[in-house]
Amino acid sequence: MKIDRLFSNRNIILFATLAFVVWVLFFDRNNYLDSRELDRKIREMENEKVFYQHKIREDSAVISGLRDSAFLERFGRENFWMHRPDEVIYLIDEK
């Protein structure tokens, strides 16, 4: 009697479904855990893509500004501490 209940159609279907779910979650080549990791990497790379697109826009603006001599002088003074021969530059550390 108990054997009949153990191998009933309902239990066999339940066992097969459970086995399929476990197989898909852990053992399949495209399992759930690997898919989550790949999704995380995709989101991370999309964020990096946005960051680098923003940096490209900023750098393009600087490059186009370097064609102007006034901007070029200001850029050299601010970033490379360039100065004219008769000038003295004081650097203040803001710690």
Protein backbone atom coordinates (compact mmCIF):
# COMPACT_ATOMS: atom_id res chain seq x y z
CA MET A 1 0.00 0.00 0.00
CA LYS A 2 2.78 2.46 0.89
CA ILE A 3 4.70 1.53 -2.26
CA ASP A 4 1.67 2.39 -4.35
CA ARG A 5 1.51 5.84 -2.75
CA LEU A 6 5.25 6.40 -3.22
CA PHE A 7 5.09 5.65 -6.95
CA SER A 8 1.82 7.38 -7.69
CA ASN A 9 1.63 9.63 -10.74
CA ARG A 10 1.46 12.73 -8.57
CA ASN A 11 4.66 11.87 -6.68
CA ILE A 12 6.51 10.96 -9.87
CA ILE A 13 5.55 14.28 -11.47
CA LEU A 14 6.53 16.13 -8.31
CA PHE A 15 9.90 14.37 -8.16
CA ALA A 16 10.58 14.97 -11.87
CA THR A 17 9.71 18.65 -11.50
CA LEU A 18 11.95 19.00 -8.46
CA ALA A 19 14.81 17.21 -10.22
CA PHE A 20 14.39 19.49 -13.26
CA VAL A 21 14.43 22.65 -11.11
CA VAL A 22 17.53 21.52 -9.21
CA TRP A 23 19.23 20.64 -12.49
CA VAL A 24 18.46 24.05 -14.02
CA LEU A 25 19.46 25.98 -10.90
CA PHE A 26 22.80 24.31 -10.25
CA PHE A 27 24.03 21.82 -12.86
CA ASP A 28 23.02 23.10 -16.28
CA ARG A 29 25.58 24.93 -18.42
CA ASN A 30 23.40 28.06 -18.28
CA ASN A 31 22.44 27.70 -14.64
CA TYR A 32 20.80 30.38 -12.54
CA LEU A 33 23.88 31.23 -10.49
CA ASP A 34 26.05 31.81 -13.57
CA SER A 35 23.27 33.87 -15.13
CA ARG A 36 23.10 36.13 -12.08
CA GLU A 37 26.87 36.63 -12.18
CA LEU A 38 26.75 37.49 -15.88
CA ASP A 39 23.88 39.94 -15.30
CA ARG A 40 25.93 41.64 -12.57
CA LYS A 41 28.91 41.96 -14.92
CA ILE A 42 26.69 43.38 -17.65
CA ARG A 43 25.29 46.04 -15.29
CA GLU A 44 28.81 46.90 -14.15
CA MET A 45 30.05 47.25 -17.72
CA GLU A 46 27.05 49.39 -18.70
CA ASN A 47 27.87 51.73 -15.81
CA GLU A 48 31.48 51.89 -16.97
CA LYS A 49 30.28 52.63 -20.50
CA VAL A 50 28.25 55.61 -19.26
CA PHE A 51 31.24 56.84 -17.23
CA TYR A 52 33.60 56.65 -20.20
CA GLN A 53 31.11 58.31 -22.53
CA HIS A 54 30.91 61.19 -20.06
CA LYS A 55 34.71 61.40 -19.89
CA ILE A 56 34.92 61.40 -23.71
CA ARG A 57 32.50 64.34 -23.86
CA GLU A 58 34.57 66.24 -21.26
CA ASP A 59 37.86 65.53 -23.03
CA SER A 60 36.39 66.47 -26.41
CA ALA A 61 35.35 69.83 -24.97
CA VAL A 62 38.88 70.37 -23.63
CA ILE A 63 40.44 69.39 -26.96
CA SER A 64 38.19 71.75 -28.88
CA GLY A 65 39.03 74.49 -26.36
CA LEU A 66 42.77 73.99 -26.85
CA ARG A 67 42.44 75.58 -30.29
CA ASP A 68 41.83 78.92 -28.55
CA SER A 69 45.06 80.59 -27.35
CA ALA A 70 43.47 82.11 -24.21
CA PHE A 71 42.07 78.75 -23.15
CA LEU A 72 45.38 77.08 -23.97
CA GLU A 73 47.26 79.51 -21.71
CA ARG A 74 44.76 79.06 -18.86
CA PHE A 75 44.91 75.27 -19.26
CA GLY A 76 48.71 75.26 -19.09
CA ARG A 77 48.75 77.51 -16.03
CA GLU A 78 46.12 75.52 -14.12
CA ASN A 79 47.27 72.01 -14.93
CA PHE A 80 51.03 72.30 -15.45
CA TRP A 81 51.89 75.40 -13.36
CA MET A 82 53.37 77.14 -16.38
CA HIS A 83 54.30 80.77 -15.98
CA ARG A 84 55.95 83.63 -17.80
CA PRO A 85 59.62 84.34 -17.09
CA ASP A 86 58.87 87.42 -14.97
CA GLU A 87 56.14 85.77 -12.86
CA VAL A 88 56.38 83.95 -9.54
CA ILE A 89 53.88 81.20 -8.71
CA TYR A 90 52.93 80.29 -5.16
CA LEU A 91 51.36 76.86 -4.61
CA ILE A 92 49.13 76.52 -1.56
CA ASP A 93 48.47 73.03 -0.26
CA GLU A 94 44.79 72.79 0.79
CA LYS A 95 44.96 69.89 3.24
